[in-house]
PDB file of N, CA and C in Angstrom:
ATOM      1  N   MET A   1      24.083 143.369 160.767  1.00  0.00           N
ATOM      2  CA  MET A   1      23.316 143.624 159.568  1.00  0.00           C
ATOM      3  C   MET A   1      21.853 143.282 159.864  1.00  0.00           C
ATOM      4  N   LYS A   2      20.977 144.244 159.728  1.00  0.00           N
ATOM      5  CA  LYS A   2      19.563 144.018 160.007  1.00  0.00           C
ATOM      6  C   LYS A   2      18.931 143.241 158.860  1.00  0.00           C
ATOM      7  N   ILE A   3      18.098 142.263 159.216  1.00  0.00           N
ATOM      8  CA  ILE A   3      17.430 141.436 158.214  1.00  0.00           C
ATOM      9  C   ILE A   3      15.971 141.258 158.598  1.00  0.00           C
ATOM     10  N   CYS A   4      15.187 140.821 157.627  1.00  0.00           N
ATOM     11  CA  CYS A   4      13.769 140.537 157.846  1.00  0.00           C
ATOM     12  C   CYS A   4      13.625 139.058 158.176  1.00  0.00           C
ATOM     13  N   VAL A   5      13.016 138.758 159.321  1.00  0.00           N
ATOM     14  CA  VAL A   5      12.856 137.380 159.772  1.00  0.00           C
ATOM     15  C   VAL A   5      11.388 137.117 160.057  1.00  0.00           C
ATOM     16  N   HIS A   6      10.884 135.997 159.549  1.00  0.00           N
ATOM     17  CA  HIS A   6       9.547 135.530 159.912  1.00  0.00           C
ATOM     18  C   HIS A   6       9.727 134.562 161.075  1.00  0.00           C
ATOM     19  N   SER A   7       8.974 134.784 162.138  1.00  0.00           N
ATOM     20  CA  SER A   7       9.139 133.943 163.324  1.00  0.00           C
ATOM     21  C   SER A   7       7.791 133.574 163.909  1.00  0.00           C
ATOM     22  N   ASN A   8       7.820 132.535 164.725  1.00  0.00           N
ATOM     23  CA  ASN A   8       6.633 132.081 165.462  1.00  0.00           C
ATOM     24  C   ASN A   8       6.924 132.231 166.947  1.00  0.00           C
ATOM     25  N   ARG A   9       5.875 132.443 167.697  1.00  0.00           N
ATOM     26  CA  ARG A   9       6.025 132.477 169.147  1.00  0.00           C
ATOM     27  C   ARG A   9       5.855 131.064 169.674  1.00  0.00           C
ATOM     28  N   GLY A  10       6.789 130.687 170.548  1.00  0.00           N
ATOM     29  CA  GLY A  10       6.717 129.374 171.174  1.00  0.00           C
ATOM     30  C   GLY A  10       5.709 129.362 172.293  1.00  0.00           C
ATOM     31  N   THR A  11       5.645 128.235 172.999  1.00  0.00           N
ATOM     32  CA  THR A  11       4.681 128.091 174.096  1.00  0.00           C
ATOM     33  C   THR A  11       4.998 129.029 175.262  1.00  0.00           C
ATOM     34  N   ARG A  12       6.260 129.392 175.416  1.00  0.00           N
ATOM     35  CA  ARG A  12       6.650 130.308 176.495  1.00  0.00           C
ATOM     36  C   ARG A  12       6.715 131.748 176.019  1.00  0.00           C
ATOM     37  N   GLY A  13       6.303 132.007 174.783  1.00  0.00           N
ATOM     38  CA  GLY A  13       6.277 133.371 174.271  1.00  0.00           C
ATOM     39  C   GLY A  13       7.557 133.814 173.584  1.00  0.00           C
ATOM     40  N   GLU A  14       8.543 132.937 173.481  1.00  0.00           N
ATOM     41  CA  GLU A  14       9.800 133.332 172.838  1.00  0.00           C
ATOM     42  C   GLU A  14       9.666 133.224 171.318  1.00  0.00           C
ATOM     43  N   GLU A  15      10.372 134.105 170.644  1.00  0.00           N
ATOM     44  CA  GLU A  15      10.366 134.111 169.176  1.00  0.00           C
ATOM     45  C   GLU A  15      11.292 133.012 168.662  1.00  0.00           C
ATOM     46  N   THR A  16      10.836 132.272 167.640  1.00  0.00           N
ATOM     47  CA  THR A  16      11.652 131.254 166.990  1.00  0.00           C
ATOM     48  C   THR A  16      11.619 131.518 165.493  1.00  0.00           C
ATOM     49  N   PRO A  17      12.784 131.697 164.843  1.00  0.00           N
ATOM     50  CA  PRO A  17      12.797 132.021 163.409  1.00  0.00           C
ATOM     51  C   PRO A  17      12.325 130.850 162.550  1.00  0.00           C
ATOM     52  N   CYS A  18      11.522 131.159 161.539  1.00  0.00           N
ATOM     53  CA  CYS A  18      11.028 130.151 160.579  1.00  0.00           C
ATOM     54  C   CYS A  18      11.648 130.344 159.206  1.00  0.00           C
ATOM     55  N   ALA A  19      11.880 131.589 158.822  1.00  0.00           N
ATOM     56  CA  ALA A  19      12.487 131.930 157.532  1.00  0.00           C
ATOM     57  C   ALA A  19      13.033 133.343 157.635  1.00  0.00           C
ATOM     58  N   PHE A  20      14.008 133.655 156.768  1.00  0.00           N
ATOM     59  CA  PHE A  20      14.535 135.017 156.726  1.00  0.00           C
ATOM     60  C   PHE A  20      14.965 135.336 155.304  1.00  0.00           C
ATOM     61  N   TYR A  21      15.123 136.618 155.052  1.00  0.00           N
ATOM     62  CA  TYR A  21      15.485 137.099 153.719  1.00  0.00           C
ATOM     63  C   TYR A  21      16.929 137.589 153.745  1.00  0.00           C
ATOM     64  N   LEU A  22      17.689 137.149 152.753  1.00  0.00           N
ATOM     65  CA  LEU A  22      19.075 137.557 152.635  1.00  0.00           C
ATOM     66  C   LEU A  22      19.377 137.754 151.160  1.00  0.00           C
ATOM     67  N   GLY A  23      19.738 138.971 150.786  1.00  0.00           N
ATOM     68  CA  GLY A  23      20.022 139.262 149.389  1.00  0.00           C
ATOM     69  C   GLY A  23      18.821 139.094 148.483  1.00  0.00           C
ATOM     70  N   GLY A  24      17.642 139.384 148.984  1.00  0.00           N
ATOM     71  CA  GLY A  24      16.429 139.255 148.185  1.00  0.00           C
ATOM     72  C   GLY A  24      15.937 137.830 148.041  1.00  0.00           C
ATOM     73  N   ARG A  25      16.559 136.901 148.721  1.00  0.00           N
ATOM     74  CA  ARG A  25      16.177 135.490 148.619  1.00  0.00           C
ATOM     75  C   ARG A  25      15.635 135.016 149.954  1.00  0.00           C
ATOM     76  N   ARG A  26      14.526 134.296 149.904  1.00  0.00           N
ATOM     77  CA  ARG A  26      13.922 133.756 151.124  1.00  0.00           C
ATOM     78  C   ARG A  26      14.612 132.443 151.473  1.00  0.00           C
ATOM     79  N   LEU A  27      15.120 132.362 152.690  1.00  0.00           N
ATOM     80  CA  LEU A  27      15.787 131.158 153.164  1.00  0.00           C
ATOM     81  C   LEU A  27      14.962 130.529 154.282  1.00  0.00           C
ATOM     82  N   PRO A  28      14.305 129.406 154.019  1.00  0.00           N
ATOM     83  CA  PRO A  28      13.543 128.750 155.084  1.00  0.00           C
ATOM     84  C   PRO A  28      14.486 128.078 156.087  1.00  0.00           C
ATOM     85  N   VAL A  29      14.147 128.172 157.344  1.00  0.00           N
ATOM     86  CA  VAL A  29      14.945 127.565 158.405  1.00  0.00           C
ATOM     87  C   VAL A  29      14.533 126.101 158.525  1.00  0.00           C
ATOM     88  N   LEU A  30      15.498 125.206 158.302  1.00  0.00           N
ATOM     89  CA  LEU A  30      15.214 123.778 158.443  1.00  0.00           C
ATOM     90  C   LEU A  30      15.316 123.325 159.885  1.00  0.00           C
ATOM     91  N   ALA A  31      16.279 123.892 160.612  1.00  0.00           N
ATOM     92  CA  ALA A  31      16.471 123.474 161.998  1.00  0.00           C
ATOM     93  C   ALA A  31      17.092 124.600 162.800  1.00  0.00           C
ATOM     94  N   VAL A  32      16.662 124.695 164.042  1.00  0.00           N
ATOM     95  CA  VAL A  32      17.331 125.574 165.000  1.00  0.00           C
ATOM     96  C   VAL A  32      18.315 124.675 165.739  1.00  0.00           C
ATOM     97  N   ILE A  33      19.598 124.875 165.456  1.00  0.00           N
ATOM     98  CA  ILE A  33      20.625 123.997 165.998  1.00  0.00           C
ATOM     99  C   ILE A  33      20.896 124.300 167.471  1.00  0.00           C
ATOM    100  N   GLU A  34      20.973 125.584 167.786  1.00  0.00           N
ATOM    101  CA  GLU A  34      21.275 125.982 169.159  1.00  0.00           C
ATOM    102  C   GLU A  34      20.656 127.340 169.422  1.00  0.00           C
ATOM    103  N   ARG A  35      20.312 127.588 170.664  1.00  0.00           N
ATOM    104  CA  ARG A  35      19.810 128.904 171.068  1.00  0.00           C
ATOM    105  C   ARG A  35      20.395 129.257 172.424  1.00  0.00           C
ATOM    106  N   TRP A  36      20.692 130.531 172.606  1.00  0.00           N
ATOM    107  CA  TRP A  36      21.215 131.027 173.868  1.00  0.00           C
ATOM    108  C   TRP A  36      20.876 132.501 173.965  1.00  0.00           C
ATOM    109  N   GLN A  37      21.099 133.069 175.134  1.00  0.00           N
ATOM    110  CA  GLN A  37      20.785 134.487 175.320  1.00  0.00           C
ATOM    111  C   GLN A  37      21.779 135.128 176.269  1.00  0.00           C
ATOM    112  N   ASP A  38      21.912 136.439 176.095  1.00  0.00           N
ATOM    113  CA  ASP A  38      22.689 137.223 177.051  1.00  0.00           C
ATOM    114  C   ASP A  38      21.730 138.245 177.656  1.00  0.00           C
ATOM    115  N   ALA A  39      22.250 139.296 178.255  1.00  0.00           N
ATOM    116  CA  ALA A  39      21.397 140.252 178.964  1.00  0.00           C
ATOM    117  C   ALA A  39      20.414 140.974 178.041  1.00  0.00           C
ATOM    118  N   THR A  40      20.809 141.241 176.791  1.00  0.00           N
ATOM    119  CA  THR A  40      19.947 142.052 175.924  1.00  0.00           C
ATOM    120  C   THR A  40      19.492 141.361 174.645  1.00  0.00           C
ATOM    121  N   HIS A  41      20.098 140.242 174.273  1.00  0.00           N
ATOM    122  CA  HIS A  41      19.775 139.593 172.998  1.00  0.00           C
ATOM    123  C   HIS A  41      19.501 138.100 173.169  1.00  0.00           C
ATOM    124  N   HIS A  42      18.758 137.568 172.216  1.00  0.00           N
ATOM    125  CA  HIS A  42      18.564 136.124 172.080  1.00  0.00           C
ATOM    126  C   HIS A  42      19.267 135.719 170.784  1.00  0.00           C
ATOM    127  N   TYR A  43      19.999 134.624 170.811  1.00  0.00           N
ATOM    128  CA  TYR A  43      20.736 134.157 169.647  1.00  0.00           C
ATOM    129  C   TYR A  43      20.190 132.805 169.202  1.00  0.00           C
ATOM    130  N   TYR A  44      20.144 132.611 167.884  1.00  0.00           N
ATOM    131  CA  TYR A  44      19.676 131.355 167.295  1.00  0.00           C
ATOM    132  C   TYR A  44      20.657 130.937 166.211  1.00  0.00           C
ATOM    133  N   GLU A  45      21.210 129.748 166.346  1.00  0.00           N
ATOM    134  CA  GLU A  45      22.010 129.192 165.257  1.00  0.00           C
ATOM    135  C   GLU A  45      21.072 128.302 164.450  1.00  0.00           C
ATOM    136  N   VAL A  46      20.882 128.656 163.178  1.00  0.00           N
ATOM    137  CA  VAL A  46      19.922 127.950 162.338  1.00  0.00           C
ATOM    138  C   VAL A  46      20.624 127.380 161.110  1.00  0.00           C
ATOM    139  N   MET A  47      19.995 126.363 160.518  1.00  0.00           N
ATOM    140  CA  MET A  47      20.522 125.775 159.290  1.00  0.00           C
ATOM    141  C   MET A  47      19.466 125.901 158.201  1.00  0.00           C
ATOM    142  N   VAL A  48      19.921 126.256 156.985  1.00  0.00           N
ATOM    143  CA  VAL A  48      19.008 126.393 155.850  1.00  0.00           C
ATOM    144  C   VAL A  48      19.188 125.205 154.914  1.00  0.00           C
ATOM    145  N   ASP A  49      18.388 125.175 153.830  1.00  0.00           N
ATOM    146  CA  ASP A  49      18.321 123.991 152.975  1.00  0.00           C
ATOM    147  C   ASP A  49      19.612 123.633 152.253  1.00  0.00           C
ATOM    148  N   ASP A  50      20.512 124.575 152.021  1.00  0.00           N
ATOM    149  CA  ASP A  50      21.756 124.244 151.325  1.00  0.00           C
ATOM    150  C   ASP A  50      22.890 123.880 152.287  1.00  0.00           C
ATOM    151  N   GLY A  51      22.596 123.757 153.576  1.00  0.00           N
ATOM    152  CA  GLY A  51      23.584 123.324 154.551  1.00  0.00           C
ATOM    153  C   GLY A  51      24.311 124.446 155.259  1.00  0.00           C
ATOM    154  N   ARG A  52      24.128 125.687 154.796  1.00  0.00           N
ATOM    155  CA  ARG A  52      24.785 126.801 155.482  1.00  0.00           C
ATOM    156  C   ARG A  52      24.132 127.025 156.836  1.00  0.00           C
ATOM    157  N   ARG A  53      24.937 127.549 157.762  1.00  0.00           N
ATOM    158  CA  ARG A  53      24.437 127.858 159.096  1.00  0.00           C
ATOM    159  C   ARG A  53      24.580 129.354 159.342  1.00  0.00           C
ATOM    160  N   PHE A  54      23.609 129.922 160.016  1.00  0.00           N
ATOM    161  CA  PHE A  54      23.591 131.347 160.320  1.00  0.00           C
ATOM    162  C   PHE A  54      23.315 131.532 161.798  1.00  0.00           C
ATOM    163  N   VAL A  55      23.881 132.588 162.363  1.00  0.00           N
ATOM    164  CA  VAL A  55      23.537 132.985 163.733  1.00  0.00           C
ATOM    165  C   VAL A  55      22.705 134.247 163.605  1.00  0.00           C
ATOM    166  N   LEU A  56      21.456 134.154 164.076  1.00  0.00           N
ATOM    167  CA  LEU A  56      20.528 135.283 164.048  1.00  0.00           C
ATOM    168  C   LEU A  56      20.409 135.837 165.468  1.00  0.00           C
ATOM    169  N   ARG A  57      20.444 137.152 165.583  1.00  0.00           N
ATOM    170  CA  ARG A  57      20.365 137.815 166.889  1.00  0.00           C
ATOM    171  C   ARG A  57      19.059 138.594 166.958  1.00  0.00           C
ATOM    172  N   PHE A  58      18.309 138.398 168.038  1.00  0.00           N
ATOM    173  CA  PHE A  58      17.022 139.061 168.224  1.00  0.00           C
ATOM    174  C   PHE A  58      17.085 139.915 169.490  1.00  0.00           C
ATOM    175  N   GLU A  59      16.666 141.165 169.345  1.00  0.00           N
ATOM    176  CA  GLU A  59      16.590 142.060 170.495  1.00  0.00           C
ATOM    177  C   GLU A  59      15.114 142.227 170.854  1.00  0.00           C
ATOM    178  N   PRO A  60      14.664 141.589 171.934  1.00  0.00           N
ATOM    179  CA  PRO A  60      13.224 141.595 172.254  1.00  0.00           C
ATOM    180  C   PRO A  60      12.659 142.985 172.533  1.00  0.00           C
ATOM    181  N   GLY A  61      13.424 143.878 173.146  1.00  0.00           N
ATOM    182  CA  GLY A  61      12.917 145.212 173.465  1.00  0.00           C
ATOM    183  C   GLY A  61      12.532 146.000 172.221  1.00  0.00           C
ATOM    184  N   LEU A  62      13.322 145.883 171.164  1.00  0.00           N
ATOM    185  CA  LEU A  62      13.052 146.604 169.918  1.00  0.00           C
ATOM    186  C   LEU A  62      12.390 145.720 168.856  1.00  0.00           C
ATOM    187  N   ARG A  63      12.266 144.419 169.148  1.00  0.00           N
ATOM    188  CA  ARG A  63      11.751 143.430 168.180  1.00  0.00           C
ATOM    189  C   ARG A  63      12.524 143.552 166.859  1.00  0.00           C
ATOM    190  N   CYS A  64      13.843 143.525 166.966  1.00  0.00           N
ATOM    191  CA  CYS A  64      14.736 143.731 165.828  1.00  0.00           C
ATOM    192  C   CYS A  64      15.626 142.496 165.648  1.00  0.00           C
ATOM    193  N   TRP A  65      15.726 142.030 164.400  1.00  0.00           N
ATOM    194  CA  TRP A  65      16.567 140.881 164.059  1.00  0.00           C
ATOM    195  C   TRP A  65      17.811 141.358 163.321  1.00  0.00           C
ATOM    196  N   GLU A  66      18.943 140.703 163.605  1.00  0.00           N
ATOM    197  CA  GLU A  66      20.198 140.997 162.917  1.00  0.00           C
ATOM    198  C   GLU A  66      20.895 139.694 162.567  1.00  0.00           C
ATOM    199  N   LEU A  67      21.674 139.747 161.483  1.00  0.00           N
ATOM    200  CA  LEU A  67      22.520 138.619 161.105  1.00  0.00           C
ATOM    201  C   LEU A  67      23.846 138.778 161.838  1.00  0.00           C
ATOM    202  N   ALA A  68      24.186 137.813 162.693  1.00  0.00           N
ATOM    203  CA  ALA A  68      25.399 137.919 163.498  1.00  0.00           C
ATOM    204  C   ALA A  68      26.571 137.144 162.902  1.00  0.00           C
ATOM    205  N   ALA A  69      26.322 136.002 162.238  1.00  0.00           N
ATOM    206  CA  ALA A  69      27.418 135.198 161.687  1.00  0.00           C
ATOM    207  C   ALA A  69      26.888 134.284 160.598  1.00  0.00           C
ATOM    208  N   VAL A  70      27.803 133.888 159.705  1.00  0.00           N
ATOM    209  CA  VAL A  70      27.488 132.954 158.615  1.00  0.00           C
ATOM    210  C   VAL A  70      28.572 131.890 158.601  1.00  0.00           C
ATOM    211  N   PHE A  71      28.161 130.634 158.470  1.00  0.00           N
ATOM    212  CA  PHE A  71      29.102 129.520 158.366  1.00  0.00           C
ATOM    213  C   PHE A  71      28.810 128.758 157.082  1.00  0.00           C
ATOM    214  N   ALA A  72      29.849 128.421 156.356  1.00  0.00           N
ATOM    215  CA  ALA A  72      29.680 127.684 155.100  1.00  0.00           C
ATOM    216  C   ALA A  72      29.212 126.266 155.394  1.00  0.00           C
ATOM    217  N   ALA A  73      28.600 125.677 154.375  1.00  0.00           N
ATOM    218  CA  ALA A  73      28.171 124.288 154.502  1.00  0.00           C
ATOM    219  C   ALA A  73      29.394 123.402 154.642  1.00  0.00           C
ATOM    220  N   LYS A  74      29.255 122.343 155.398  1.00  0.00           N
ATOM    221  CA  LYS A  74      30.369 121.421 155.564  1.00  0.00           C
ATOM    222  C   LYS A  74      30.579 120.664 154.256  1.00  0.00           C
ATOM    223  N   VAL A  75      31.822 120.624 153.833  1.00  0.00           N
ATOM    224  CA  VAL A  75      32.148 119.919 152.602  1.00  0.00           C
ATOM    225  C   VAL A  75      32.245 118.439 152.932  1.00  0.00           C
ATOM    226  N   ARG A  76      31.479 117.664 152.222  1.00  0.00           N
ATOM    227  CA  ARG A  76      31.512 116.232 152.458  1.00  0.00           C
ATOM    228  C   ARG A  76      32.550 115.601 151.550  1.00  0.00           C
ATOM    229  N   LYS A  77      33.459 114.895 152.163  1.00  0.00           N
ATOM    230  CA  LYS A  77      34.485 114.210 151.397  1.00  0.00           C
ATOM    231  C   LYS A  77      33.899 112.910 150.847  1.00  0.00           C
ATOM    232  N   PRO A  78      34.296 112.536 149.650  1.00  0.00           N
ATOM    233  CA  PRO A  78      33.783 111.269 149.122  1.00  0.00           C
ATOM    234  C   PRO A  78      34.280 110.110 149.979  1.00  0.00           C
ATOM    235  N   ALA A  79      33.494 109.074 150.021  1.00  0.00           N
ATOM    236  CA  ALA A  79      33.861 107.905 150.811  1.00  0.00           C
ATOM    237  C   ALA A  79      35.128 107.281 150.229  1.00  0.00           C
ATOM    238  N   PRO A  80      36.034 106.833 151.080  1.00  0.00           N
ATOM    239  CA  PRO A  80      37.251 106.227 150.557  1.00  0.00           C
ATOM    240  C   PRO A  80      36.938 104.918 149.854  1.00  0.00           C
ATOM    241  N   LYS A  81      37.677 104.675 148.802  1.00  0.00           N
ATOM    242  CA  LYS A  81      37.486 103.432 148.065  1.00  0.00           C
ATOM    243  C   LYS A  81      38.121 102.293 148.857  1.00  0.00           C
ATOM    244  N   PRO A  82      37.489 101.120 148.829  1.00  0.00           N
ATOM    245  CA  PRO A  82      38.085 100.004 149.567  1.00  0.00           C
ATOM    246  C   PRO A  82      39.412  99.607 148.926  1.00  0.00           C
ATOM    247  N   ALA A  83      40.353  99.283 149.772  1.00  0.00           N
ATOM    248  CA  ALA A  83      41.670  98.906 149.272  1.00  0.00           C
ATOM    249  C   ALA A  83      41.608  97.502 148.692  1.00  0.00           C
ATOM    250  N   THR A  84      42.041  97.358 147.462  1.00  0.00           N
ATOM    251  CA  THR A  84      42.107  96.043 146.846  1.00  0.00           C
ATOM    252  C   THR A  84      43.568  95.720 146.607  1.00  0.00           C
ATOM    253  N   LEU A  85      43.920  94.540 146.941  1.00  0.00           N
ATOM    254  CA  LEU A  85      45.307  94.137 146.760  1.00  0.00           C
ATOM    255  C   LEU A  85      45.542  93.794 145.300  1.00  0.00           C
ATOM    256  N   PRO A  86      46.639  94.279 144.752  1.00  0.00           N
ATOM    257  CA  PRO A  86      46.931  93.936 143.359  1.00  0.00           C
ATOM    258  C   PRO A  86      47.349  92.475 143.251  1.00  0.00           C
ATOM    259  N   ALA A  87      47.218  91.928 142.058  1.00  0.00           N
ATOM    260  CA  ALA A  87      47.647  90.548 141.826  1.00  0.00           C
ATOM    261  C   ALA A  87      49.150  90.456 142.031  1.00  0.00           C
ATOM    262  N   PRO A  88      49.607  89.342 142.571  1.00  0.00           N
ATOM    263  CA  PRO A  88      51.052  89.224 142.793  1.00  0.00           C
ATOM    264  C   PRO A  88      51.812  89.299 141.472  1.00  0.00           C
ATOM    265  N   ARG A  89      52.958  89.922 141.533  1.00  0.00           N
ATOM    266  CA  ARG A  89      53.768  90.060 140.317  1.00  0.00           C
ATOM    267  C   ARG A  89      54.495  88.763 140.026  1.00  0.00           C
ATOM    268  N   LYS A  90      54.612  88.499 138.771  1.00  0.00           N
ATOM    269  CA  LYS A  90      55.382  87.333 138.347  1.00  0.00           C
ATOM    270  C   LYS A  90      56.717  87.857 137.845  1.00  0.00           C
ATOM    271  N   PHE A  91      57.767  87.474 138.535  1.00  0.00           N
ATOM    272  CA  PHE A  91      59.074  87.971 138.149  1.00  0.00           C
ATOM    273  C   PHE A  91      59.648  87.201 136.966  1.00  0.00           C
ATOM    274  N   PHE A  92      59.391  85.902 136.947  1.00  0.00           N
ATOM    275  CA  PHE A  92      59.923  85.085 135.862  1.00  0.00           C
ATOM    276  C   PHE A  92      58.742  84.461 135.142  1.00  0.00           C
ATOM    277  N   ASN A  93      58.596  84.834 133.956  1.00  0.00           N
ATOM    278  CA  ASN A  93      57.464  84.341 133.177  1.00  0.00           C
ATOM    279  C   ASN A  93      57.991  83.500 132.008  1.00  0.00           C
ATOM    280  N   PHE A  94      58.845  82.577 132.332  1.00  0.00           N
ATOM    281  CA  PHE A  94      59.409  81.724 131.290  1.00  0.00           C
ATOM    282  C   PHE A  94      58.537  80.491 131.147  1.00  0.00           C
ATOM    283  N   HIS A  95      58.315  80.132 129.936  1.00  0.00           N
ATOM    284  CA  HIS A  95      57.590  78.898 129.661  1.00  0.00           C
ATOM    285  C   HIS A  95      58.593  77.927 129.038  1.00  0.00           C
ATOM    286  N   PHE A  96      58.947  76.950 129.789  1.00  0.00           N
ATOM    287  CA  PHE A  96      59.867  75.947 129.265  1.00  0.00           C
ATOM    288  C   PHE A  96      59.035  74.842 128.647  1.00  0.00           C
ATOM    289  N   ARG A  97      59.168  74.733 127.363  1.00  0.00           N
ATOM    290  CA  ARG A  97      58.450  73.675 126.665  1.00  0.00           C
ATOM    291  C   ARG A  97      59.479  72.771 126.000  1.00  0.00           C
ATOM    292  N   LYS A  98      59.146  71.583 126.031  1.00  0.00           N
ATOM    293  CA  LYS A  98      60.018  70.651 125.317  1.00  0.00           C
ATOM    294  C   LYS A  98      59.603  70.678 123.866  1.00  0.00           C
ATOM    295  N   THR A  99      60.526  71.064 123.059  1.00  0.00           N
ATOM    296  CA  THR A  99      60.202  71.089 121.641  1.00  0.00           C
ATOM    297  C   THR A  99      60.693  69.778 121.031  1.00  0.00           C
ATOM    298  N   PRO A 100      59.922  69.264 120.149  1.00  0.00           N
ATOM    299  CA  PRO A 100      60.349  67.988 119.570  1.00  0.00           C
ATOM    300  C   PRO A 100      61.652  68.192 118.807  1.00  0.00           C
ATOM    301  N   ALA A 101      62.540  67.255 118.962  1.00  0.00           N
ATOM    302  CA  ALA A 101      63.842  67.330 118.284  1.00  0.00           C
ATOM    303  C   ALA A 101      63.629  67.126 116.782  1.00  0.00           C
ATOM    304  N   THR A 102      64.189  67.972 116.054  1.00  0.00           N
ATOM    305  CA  THR A 102      64.084  67.813 114.600  1.00  0.00           C
ATOM    306  C   THR A 102      65.329  67.093 114.104  1.00  0.00           C
ATOM    307  N   SER A 103      65.114  66.163 113.300  1.00  0.00           N
ATOM    308  CA  SER A 103      66.265  65.417 112.780  1.00  0.00           C
ATOM    309  C   SER A 103      66.740  66.069 111.503  1.00  0.00           C
ATOM    310  N   LYS A 104      68.019  66.181 111.420  1.00  0.00           N
ATOM    311  CA  LYS A 104      68.579  66.769 110.240  1.00  0.00           C
ATOM    312  C   LYS A 104      68.764  65.673 109.185  1.00  0.00           C
ATOM    313  N   ALA A 105      68.273  65.908 108.100  1.00  0.00           N
ATOM    314  CA  ALA A 105      68.464  64.946 107.024  1.00  0.00           C
ATOM    315  C   ALA A 105      69.713  65.337 106.269  1.00  0.00           C
ATOM    316  N   SER A 106      70.594  64.422 106.141  1.00  0.00           N
ATOM    317  CA  SER A 106      71.801  64.741 105.416  1.00  0.00           C
ATOM    318  C   SER A 106      71.794  64.190 104.026  1.00  0.00           C
TER     319      SER A 106
END
């Protein structure tokens, strides 16, 4: 899928994506996670502000950018609650009280 990408040239002349448009929305690139190349394309795995990751493919001969892959943001699980031990159970809760003897009046 061809997309519009804003890029900067690095010190060695290679293109590095800064932002791209997807669905009419501008997505700024927060980080280039990984980059690699094959015989005809340069690939960039980038991360945007909502945590999603995209693989952008650049063909230097045609100066054409394409969207190669999309990865969902990693779901963060809530931190586990610390285990608290319950209070020990009382099996026999009898209160033996000595009650004063009542005298029967006859």
